PDB file of N, CA and C in Angstrom:
ATOM      1  N   SER A   1       5.361 -10.390  -3.747  1.00  0.00           N
ATOM      2  CA  SER A   1       5.797  -9.674  -4.929  1.00  0.00           C
ATOM      3  C   SER A   1       4.943  -8.430  -5.084  1.00  0.00           C
ATOM      4  N   SER A   2       5.395  -7.543  -5.920  1.00  0.00           N
ATOM      5  CA  SER A   2       4.640  -6.316  -6.137  1.00  0.00           C
ATOM      6  C   SER A   2       4.749  -5.896  -7.596  1.00  0.00           C
ATOM      7  N   THR A   3       3.755  -5.205  -8.043  1.00  0.00           N
ATOM      8  CA  THR A   3       3.757  -4.678  -9.401  1.00  0.00           C
ATOM      9  C   THR A   3       3.278  -3.250  -9.355  1.00  0.00           C
ATOM     10  N   GLY A   4       3.537  -2.520 -10.408  1.00  0.00           N
ATOM     11  CA  GLY A   4       3.029  -1.159 -10.475  1.00  0.00           C
ATOM     12  C   GLY A   4       4.139  -0.138 -10.456  1.00  0.00           C
ATOM     13  N   THR A   5       3.796   1.052 -10.060  1.00  0.00           N
ATOM     14  CA  THR A   5       4.703   2.191 -10.073  1.00  0.00           C
ATOM     15  C   THR A   5       5.255   2.418  -8.677  1.00  0.00           C
ATOM     16  N   TRP A   6       6.542   2.619  -8.593  1.00  0.00           N
ATOM     17  CA  TRP A   6       7.169   2.943  -7.311  1.00  0.00           C
ATOM     18  C   TRP A   6       7.384   4.446  -7.246  1.00  0.00           C
ATOM     19  N   THR A   7       7.175   5.015  -6.089  1.00  0.00           N
ATOM     20  CA  THR A   7       7.354   6.439  -5.870  1.00  0.00           C
ATOM     21  C   THR A   7       8.457   6.638  -4.845  1.00  0.00           C
ATOM     22  N   THR A   8       9.372   7.535  -5.145  1.00  0.00           N
ATOM     23  CA  THR A   8      10.429   7.860  -4.195  1.00  0.00           C
ATOM     24  C   THR A   8       9.857   8.773  -3.114  1.00  0.00           C
ATOM     25  N   VAL A   9      10.079   8.421  -1.875  1.00  0.00           N
ATOM     26  CA  VAL A   9       9.643   9.248  -0.754  1.00  0.00           C
ATOM     27  C   VAL A   9      10.890   9.797  -0.089  1.00  0.00           C
ATOM     28  N   TRP A  10      11.035  11.090  -0.139  1.00  0.00           N
ATOM     29  CA  TRP A  10      12.210  11.725   0.452  1.00  0.00           C
ATOM     30  C   TRP A  10      12.048  11.776   1.967  1.00  0.00           C
ATOM     31  N   THR A  11      13.151  11.691   2.665  1.00  0.00           N
ATOM     32  CA  THR A  11      13.131  11.696   4.131  1.00  0.00           C
ATOM     33  C   THR A  11      13.550  13.043   4.694  1.00  0.00           C
ATOM     34  N   ASP A  12      13.365  14.097   3.924  1.00  0.00           N
ATOM     35  CA  ASP A  12      13.771  15.425   4.373  1.00  0.00           C
ATOM     36  C   ASP A  12      12.755  16.077   5.305  1.00  0.00           C
ATOM     37  N   GLY A  13      11.622  15.408   5.528  1.00  0.00           N
ATOM     38  CA  GLY A  13      10.618  15.951   6.427  1.00  0.00           C
ATOM     39  C   GLY A  13       9.718  16.994   5.798  1.00  0.00           C
ATOM     40  N   LEU A  14       9.915  17.299   4.516  1.00  0.00           N
ATOM     41  CA  LEU A  14       9.104  18.319   3.865  1.00  0.00           C
ATOM     42  C   LEU A  14       7.798  17.764   3.298  1.00  0.00           C
ATOM     43  N   THR A  15       7.722  16.452   3.173  1.00  0.00           N
ATOM     44  CA  THR A  15       6.524  15.813   2.632  1.00  0.00           C
ATOM     45  C   THR A  15       5.933  14.890   3.690  1.00  0.00           C
ATOM     46  N   SER A  16       4.646  14.979   3.873  1.00  0.00           N
ATOM     47  CA  SER A  16       3.977  14.157   4.877  1.00  0.00           C
ATOM     48  C   SER A  16       3.887  12.707   4.420  1.00  0.00           C
ATOM     49  N   LEU A  17       4.283  11.783   5.281  1.00  0.00           N
ATOM     50  CA  LEU A  17       4.179  10.357   4.983  1.00  0.00           C
ATOM     51  C   LEU A  17       2.731   9.952   4.747  1.00  0.00           C
ATOM     52  N   ASP A  18       1.787  10.632   5.390  1.00  0.00           N
ATOM     53  CA  ASP A  18       0.373  10.289   5.241  1.00  0.00           C
ATOM     54  C   ASP A  18      -0.083  10.347   3.785  1.00  0.00           C
ATOM     55  N   ARG A  19       0.558  11.191   2.993  1.00  0.00           N
ATOM     56  CA  ARG A  19       0.186  11.299   1.577  1.00  0.00           C
ATOM     57  C   ARG A  19       0.564  10.049   0.796  1.00  0.00           C
ATOM     58  N   TYR A  20       1.599   9.334   1.216  1.00  0.00           N
ATOM     59  CA  TYR A  20       2.141   8.221   0.449  1.00  0.00           C
ATOM     60  C   TYR A  20       1.748   6.840   0.952  1.00  0.00           C
ATOM     61  N   LYS A  21       1.383   6.721   2.194  1.00  0.00           N
ATOM     62  CA  LYS A  21       1.185   5.379   2.742  1.00  0.00           C
ATOM     63  C   LYS A  21      -0.082   4.711   2.199  1.00  0.00           C
ATOM     64  N   GLY A  22      -0.005   3.401   2.038  1.00  0.00           N
ATOM     65  CA  GLY A  22      -1.145   2.623   1.576  1.00  0.00           C
ATOM     66  C   GLY A  22      -2.141   2.421   2.698  1.00  0.00           C
ATOM     67  N   ARG A  23      -3.357   2.109   2.313  1.00  0.00           N
ATOM     68  CA  ARG A  23      -4.406   1.839   3.297  1.00  0.00           C
ATOM     69  C   ARG A  23      -4.954   0.440   3.064  1.00  0.00           C
ATOM     70  N   CYS A  24      -4.975  -0.352   4.109  1.00  0.00           N
ATOM     71  CA  CYS A  24      -5.567  -1.684   4.023  1.00  0.00           C
ATOM     72  C   CYS A  24      -7.080  -1.512   4.137  1.00  0.00           C
ATOM     73  N   TYR A  25      -7.810  -1.938   3.112  1.00  0.00           N
ATOM     74  CA  TYR A  25      -9.252  -1.757   3.146  1.00  0.00           C
ATOM     75  C   TYR A  25     -10.034  -3.053   3.300  1.00  0.00           C
ATOM     76  N   HIS A  26      -9.351  -4.202   3.251  1.00  0.00           N
ATOM     77  CA  HIS A  26     -10.050  -5.468   3.456  1.00  0.00           C
ATOM     78  C   HIS A  26      -9.026  -6.553   3.760  1.00  0.00           C
ATOM     79  N   ILE A  27      -9.362  -7.464   4.666  1.00  0.00           N
ATOM     80  CA  ILE A  27      -8.490  -8.592   5.007  1.00  0.00           C
ATOM     81  C   ILE A  27      -9.320  -9.865   4.942  1.00  0.00           C
ATOM     82  N   ASP A  28      -8.809 -10.857   4.211  1.00  0.00           N
ATOM     83  CA  ASP A  28      -9.450 -12.173   4.120  1.00  0.00           C
ATOM     84  C   ASP A  28      -8.521 -13.227   4.692  1.00  0.00           C
ATOM     85  N   ALA A  29      -9.083 -14.189   5.411  1.00  0.00           N
ATOM     86  CA  ALA A  29      -8.305 -15.352   5.848  1.00  0.00           C
ATOM     87  C   ALA A  29      -8.075 -16.257   4.640  1.00  0.00           C
ATOM     88  N   VAL A  30      -6.894 -16.884   4.571  1.00  0.00           N
ATOM     89  CA  VAL A  30      -6.593 -17.831   3.501  1.00  0.00           C
ATOM     90  C   VAL A  30      -7.221 -19.166   3.876  1.00  0.00           C
ATOM     91  N   PRO A  31      -8.120 -19.675   3.040  1.00  0.00           N
ATOM     92  CA  PRO A  31      -8.788 -20.944   3.360  1.00  0.00           C
ATOM     93  C   PRO A  31      -7.789 -22.087   3.545  1.00  0.00           C
ATOM     94  N   GLY A  32      -7.944 -22.823   4.643  1.00  0.00           N
ATOM     95  CA  GLY A  32      -7.100 -23.981   4.903  1.00  0.00           C
ATOM     96  C   GLY A  32      -5.728 -23.668   5.470  1.00  0.00           C
ATOM     97  N   GLU A  33      -5.446 -22.408   5.758  1.00  0.00           N
ATOM     98  CA  GLU A  33      -4.136 -22.009   6.293  1.00  0.00           C
ATOM     99  C   GLU A  33      -4.326 -21.277   7.619  1.00  0.00           C
ATOM    100  N   ASP A  34      -3.579 -21.686   8.634  1.00  0.00           N
ATOM    101  CA  ASP A  34      -3.626 -20.996   9.920  1.00  0.00           C
ATOM    102  C   ASP A  34      -2.766 -19.737   9.865  1.00  0.00           C
ATOM    103  N   ASN A  35      -3.265 -18.665  10.423  1.00  0.00           N
ATOM    104  CA  ASN A  35      -2.526 -17.405  10.535  1.00  0.00           C
ATOM    105  C   ASN A  35      -2.000 -16.893   9.200  1.00  0.00           C
ATOM    106  N   GLN A  36      -2.753 -17.101   8.127  1.00  0.00           N
ATOM    107  CA  GLN A  36      -2.394 -16.581   6.809  1.00  0.00           C
ATOM    108  C   GLN A  36      -3.554 -15.715   6.307  1.00  0.00           C
ATOM    109  N   TYR A  37      -3.221 -14.523   5.830  1.00  0.00           N
ATOM    110  CA  TYR A  37      -4.256 -13.583   5.420  1.00  0.00           C
ATOM    111  C   TYR A  37      -3.868 -12.905   4.117  1.00  0.00           C
ATOM    112  N   ILE A  38      -4.872 -12.463   3.388  1.00  0.00           N
ATOM    113  CA  ILE A  38      -4.675 -11.635   2.201  1.00  0.00           C
ATOM    114  C   ILE A  38      -5.170 -10.241   2.564  1.00  0.00           C
ATOM    115  N   CYS A  39      -4.313  -9.263   2.380  1.00  0.00           N
ATOM    116  CA  CYS A  39      -4.649  -7.879   2.693  1.00  0.00           C
ATOM    117  C   CYS A  39      -4.749  -7.095   1.386  1.00  0.00           C
ATOM    118  N   TYR A  40      -5.847  -6.399   1.198  1.00  0.00           N
ATOM    119  CA  TYR A  40      -6.052  -5.572   0.014  1.00  0.00           C
ATOM    120  C   TYR A  40      -5.643  -4.146   0.370  1.00  0.00           C
ATOM    121  N   VAL A  41      -4.698  -3.609  -0.379  1.00  0.00           N
ATOM    122  CA  VAL A  41      -4.124  -2.302  -0.072  1.00  0.00           C
ATOM    123  C   VAL A  41      -4.430  -1.329  -1.208  1.00  0.00           C
ATOM    124  N   ALA A  42      -4.809  -0.114  -0.854  1.00  0.00           N
ATOM    125  CA  ALA A  42      -5.066   0.941  -1.834  1.00  0.00           C
ATOM    126  C   ALA A  42      -4.124   2.108  -1.563  1.00  0.00           C
ATOM    127  N   TYR A  43      -3.734   2.778  -2.639  1.00  0.00           N
ATOM    128  CA  TYR A  43      -2.891   3.967  -2.552  1.00  0.00           C
ATOM    129  C   TYR A  43      -3.631   5.136  -3.193  1.00  0.00           C
ATOM    130  N   PRO A  44      -3.348   6.366  -2.759  1.00  0.00           N
ATOM    131  CA  PRO A  44      -3.995   7.525  -3.373  1.00  0.00           C
ATOM    132  C   PRO A  44      -3.702   7.577  -4.879  1.00  0.00           C
ATOM    133  N   LEU A  45      -4.709   7.881  -5.677  1.00  0.00           N
ATOM    134  CA  LEU A  45      -4.549   7.898  -7.132  1.00  0.00           C
ATOM    135  C   LEU A  45      -3.532   8.916  -7.615  1.00  0.00           C
ATOM    136  N   ASP A  46      -3.359  10.014  -6.896  1.00  0.00           N
ATOM    137  CA  ASP A  46      -2.428  11.036  -7.377  1.00  0.00           C
ATOM    138  C   ASP A  46      -0.966  10.601  -7.303  1.00  0.00           C
ATOM    139  N   LEU A  47      -0.682   9.436  -6.739  1.00  0.00           N
ATOM    140  CA  LEU A  47       0.687   8.918  -6.728  1.00  0.00           C
ATOM    141  C   LEU A  47       1.074   8.302  -8.068  1.00  0.00           C
ATOM    142  N   PHE A  48       0.095   8.002  -8.895  1.00  0.00           N
ATOM    143  CA  PHE A  48       0.348   7.311 -10.149  1.00  0.00           C
ATOM    144  C   PHE A  48       0.272   8.280 -11.319  1.00  0.00           C
ATOM    145  N   GLU A  49       1.146   8.051 -12.278  1.00  0.00           N
ATOM    146  CA  GLU A  49       1.152   8.890 -13.469  1.00  0.00           C
ATOM    147  C   GLU A  49      -0.040   8.552 -14.348  1.00  0.00           C
ATOM    148  N   GLU A  50      -0.482   9.541 -15.105  1.00  0.00           N
ATOM    149  CA  GLU A  50      -1.592   9.312 -16.039  1.00  0.00           C
ATOM    150  C   GLU A  50      -1.081   8.744 -17.338  1.00  0.00           C
TER     151      GLU A  50
END
């Protein structure tokens, strides 16, 4: 599931995808589960409204 603000990314090639993509900054294994992980993702602050 996800929460927060969604941003429309146009596919016209005028905007760089690098500006919008999230960055995984930490990965934890889920205790007691094989091949299950929690990934912490951050997005640039300027994507969100004030």
